[in-house]
Amino acid sequence: MIRALYDWTMASAAHPRALWVLAIVSFAESSVFPIPPDVLMIPMIIATPRRAWLIAAVCTIASVLGALLGYAIGAFAFATIGHPVLELLGKADRIPAFQAYFAEWGPWAVLVAGVTPFPYKAMTILSGAASLSLPVFILSSIVARGLRFFLVAGLLRAFGAPIRDFIERRLGLVFTVFMVCLIGGFVLLRYL
């Protein structure tokens, strides 16, 4: 079953419409969607390494556009949409602490959240709610998301073939480690 899922993922990653799906996921992830675009981006680059830079660019552009939606949610619909999204992420109880941190570190907070596994959508919504300067927010988002996605793309382009061989030879182990990391990441994010 894992082999069939892996084969389907790799075939889907090479599909002509895969970039559109990646763009939609990247856009949504920056504002409301809980799954990071890396889940699609990594197999896409492994399946078609020659398109690594294009894939990273699509991911970055869509993510920054989605971040603008998150910013708008925070600025204009915090009570109706932003707060419920933060509750869903388990971050609503930390809003006062975020606001204090945000008041002091603003653009740096966006940069850190854009590169790390911290839920970026929480930072985009809080940026709008805190009225962070929109040009500063956009610039911070471009730098952070570009750094994150182009770094992953560069590493996979350079080392993709050995990584793909390793994954295909040890698929069961890779799947188990991935699931442990995924579940551990969600548990860790709950406490951040």
Protein backbone atom coordinates (compact mmCIF):
# COMPACT_ATOMS: atom_id res chain seq x y z
CA MET A 1 0.00 0.00 0.00
CA ILE A 2 2.81 2.44 0.85
CA ARG A 3 4.53 1.65 -2.46
CA ALA A 4 1.31 2.35 -4.39
CA LEU A 5 0.84 5.65 -2.54
CA TYR A 6 4.47 6.62 -3.21
CA ASP A 7 4.14 5.76 -6.92
CA TRP A 8 0.89 7.74 -7.16
CA THR A 9 2.49 10.76 -5.43
CA MET A 10 5.49 10.72 -7.76
CA ALA A 11 3.28 10.39 -10.83
CA SER A 12 1.03 13.21 -9.59
CA ALA A 13 4.07 15.38 -8.87
CA ALA A 14 5.10 15.15 -12.51
CA HIS A 15 1.58 15.91 -13.78
CA PRO A 16 1.20 19.11 -15.85
CA ARG A 17 -1.38 20.52 -13.41
CA ALA A 18 0.74 19.84 -10.33
CA LEU A 19 2.05 23.43 -10.30
CA TRP A 20 -1.51 24.75 -10.07
CA VAL A 21 -2.30 22.44 -7.16
CA LEU A 22 0.95 23.51 -5.47
CA ALA A 23 0.04 27.18 -5.99
CA ILE A 24 -3.40 26.66 -4.44
CA VAL A 25 -1.99 24.79 -1.44
CA SER A 26 0.79 27.39 -0.95
CA PHE A 27 -1.74 30.23 -1.14
CA ALA A 28 -4.16 28.61 1.30
CA GLU A 29 -1.43 27.51 3.73
CA SER A 30 -0.35 31.12 4.30
CA SER A 31 -3.79 32.15 5.48
CA VAL A 32 -5.97 29.26 6.70
CA PHE A 33 -4.92 25.79 5.48
CA PRO A 34 -3.05 23.57 8.00
CA ILE A 35 -0.92 21.48 5.61
CA PRO A 36 2.42 23.02 4.46
CA PRO A 37 3.16 23.12 0.72
CA ASP A 38 6.36 21.12 1.31
CA VAL A 39 4.20 17.98 1.23
CA LEU A 40 3.70 18.62 -2.52
CA MET A 41 6.81 20.63 -3.30
CA ILE A 42 9.33 18.00 -2.19
CA PRO A 43 7.93 15.12 -4.30
CA MET A 44 7.52 17.49 -7.25
CA ILE A 45 11.19 18.47 -7.14
CA ILE A 46 12.33 14.88 -6.61
CA ALA A 47 10.18 13.78 -9.58
CA THR A 48 11.33 16.65 -11.84
CA PRO A 49 14.57 18.18 -10.51
CA ARG A 50 15.10 20.30 -13.63
CA ARG A 51 12.01 22.32 -12.59
CA ALA A 52 13.20 22.95 -9.03
CA TRP A 53 13.55 26.72 -9.42
CA LEU A 54 10.16 27.07 -11.13
CA ILE A 55 8.50 25.00 -8.41
CA ALA A 56 10.14 27.12 -5.68
CA ALA A 57 9.12 30.34 -7.46
CA VAL A 58 5.48 29.23 -7.79
CA CYS A 59 5.47 28.19 -4.14
CA THR A 60 6.97 31.51 -3.03
CA ILE A 61 4.69 33.74 -5.11
CA ALA A 62 1.52 31.86 -4.14
CA SER A 63 2.58 31.81 -0.49
CA VAL A 64 3.16 35.59 -0.40
CA LEU A 65 -0.19 36.20 -2.09
CA GLY A 66 -1.83 33.92 0.47
CA ALA A 67 -0.01 35.82 3.22
CA LEU A 68 -1.72 38.98 1.98
CA LEU A 69 -5.07 37.22 2.46
CA GLY A 70 -3.98 36.26 6.00
CA TYR A 71 -2.98 39.87 6.63
CA ALA A 72 -6.40 41.06 5.37
CA ILE A 73 -8.14 38.53 7.63
CA GLY A 74 -6.22 39.89 10.61
CA ALA A 75 -6.84 43.51 9.65
CA PHE A 76 -10.50 43.33 8.64
CA ALA A 77 -12.01 40.07 9.93
CA PHE A 78 -10.06 39.13 13.03
CA ALA A 79 -13.08 38.46 15.25
CA THR A 80 -15.02 36.45 12.67
CA ILE A 81 -12.26 34.53 10.85
CA GLY A 82 -8.83 35.25 12.35
CA HIS A 83 -9.56 34.34 15.95
CA PRO A 84 -11.31 31.04 15.02
CA VAL A 85 -8.33 30.09 12.81
CA LEU A 86 -5.96 30.80 15.69
CA GLU A 87 -8.18 28.73 18.00
CA LEU A 88 -8.04 25.86 15.50
CA LEU A 89 -4.24 26.12 15.56
CA GLY A 90 -4.25 26.16 19.37
CA LYS A 91 -2.76 29.66 19.41
CA ALA A 92 -5.75 31.76 20.54
CA ASP A 93 -4.75 31.67 24.22
CA ARG A 94 -1.37 33.16 23.32
CA ILE A 95 -2.66 36.18 21.41
CA PRO A 96 -1.66 38.74 24.12
CA ALA A 97 1.87 37.29 24.30
CA PHE A 98 2.11 37.30 20.49
CA GLN A 99 0.95 40.92 20.37
CA ALA A 100 3.60 42.02 22.88
CA TYR A 101 6.30 40.07 21.03
CA PHE A 102 5.01 41.38 17.75
CA ALA A 103 5.06 45.00 18.89
CA GLU A 104 8.76 44.67 19.65
CA TRP A 105 9.94 42.38 16.83
CA GLY A 106 7.36 42.85 13.98
CA PRO A 107 9.21 42.15 10.72
CA TRP A 108 11.66 39.77 12.42
CA ALA A 109 8.74 37.73 13.72
CA VAL A 110 7.41 37.42 10.16
CA LEU A 111 10.86 36.38 8.93
CA VAL A 112 11.27 33.72 11.61
CA ALA A 113 7.75 32.34 11.13
CA GLY A 114 8.18 32.30 7.36
CA VAL A 115 11.28 30.11 7.50
CA THR A 116 10.57 27.86 10.50
CA PRO A 117 7.84 25.27 11.05
CA PHE A 118 5.86 27.81 13.12
CA PRO A 119 2.37 28.13 11.55
CA TYR A 120 2.93 30.98 9.12
CA LYS A 121 -0.80 31.62 8.82
CA ALA A 122 -0.86 32.61 12.51
CA MET A 123 1.82 35.21 11.84
CA THR A 124 0.08 36.58 8.73
CA ILE A 125 -3.20 36.99 10.62
CA LEU A 126 -1.45 38.58 13.62
CA SER A 127 0.46 40.93 11.29
CA GLY A 128 -2.81 42.29 9.98
CA ALA A 129 -4.36 42.46 13.45
CA ALA A 130 -1.32 44.36 14.75
CA SER A 131 -1.32 46.70 11.71
CA LEU A 132 2.28 45.89 10.78
CA SER A 133 3.34 48.12 7.89
CA LEU A 134 2.09 46.40 4.72
CA PRO A 135 5.27 47.07 2.69
CA VAL A 136 7.40 45.72 5.55
CA PHE A 137 5.12 42.69 5.82
CA ILE A 138 5.33 42.00 2.08
CA LEU A 139 9.12 42.37 2.00
CA SER A 140 9.55 40.15 5.08
CA SER A 141 7.24 37.55 3.55
CA ILE A 142 9.08 37.51 0.21
CA VAL A 143 12.46 37.11 1.91
CA ALA A 144 11.28 34.46 4.39
CA ARG A 145 9.24 32.34 2.03
CA GLY A 146 11.74 32.68 -0.80
CA LEU A 147 14.58 31.63 1.49
CA ARG A 148 12.64 28.63 2.75
CA PHE A 149 11.40 27.33 -0.60
CA PHE A 150 14.51 28.09 -2.68
CA LEU A 151 16.78 26.51 -0.06
CA VAL A 152 14.73 23.31 -0.12
CA ALA A 153 14.65 23.40 -3.93
CA GLY A 154 18.42 23.90 -4.14
CA LEU A 155 19.16 21.04 -1.76
CA LEU A 156 16.76 18.70 -3.56
CA ARG A 157 18.11 19.71 -6.98
CA ALA A 158 21.65 19.03 -5.83
CA PHE A 159 20.98 15.84 -3.87
CA GLY A 160 17.63 14.70 -5.28
CA ALA A 161 18.80 11.57 -7.11
CA PRO A 162 20.49 9.99 -4.07
CA ILE A 163 17.54 11.00 -1.91
CA ARG A 164 15.09 9.42 -4.33
CA ASP A 165 17.16 6.22 -4.47
CA PHE A 166 17.31 6.10 -0.66
CA ILE A 167 13.55 6.65 -0.36
CA GLU A 168 12.74 3.99 -2.92
CA ARG A 169 15.03 1.40 -1.29
CA ARG A 170 13.85 2.11 2.26
CA LEU A 171 10.27 3.24 1.71
CA GLY A 172 8.88 1.60 4.86
CA LEU A 173 11.51 3.21 7.09
CA VAL A 174 11.12 6.61 5.42
CA PHE A 175 7.33 6.46 5.81
CA THR A 176 7.63 5.55 9.50
CA VAL A 177 10.13 8.36 10.20
CA PHE A 178 7.96 10.81 8.25
CA MET A 179 4.86 9.89 10.28
CA VAL A 180 6.76 10.18 13.58
CA CYS A 181 8.09 13.61 12.54
CA LEU A 182 4.68 14.75 11.33
CA ILE A 183 2.89 13.74 14.51
CA GLY A 184 5.76 15.05 16.65
CA GLY A 185 5.65 18.35 14.76
CA PHE A 186 1.95 18.79 15.47
CA VAL A 187 2.50 17.95 19.14
CA LEU A 188 5.43 20.41 19.31
CA LEU A 189 3.44 23.17 17.59
CA ARG A 190 0.72 22.74 20.17
CA TYR A 191 3.20 23.89 22.83
CA LEU A 192 4.85 26.75 20.90
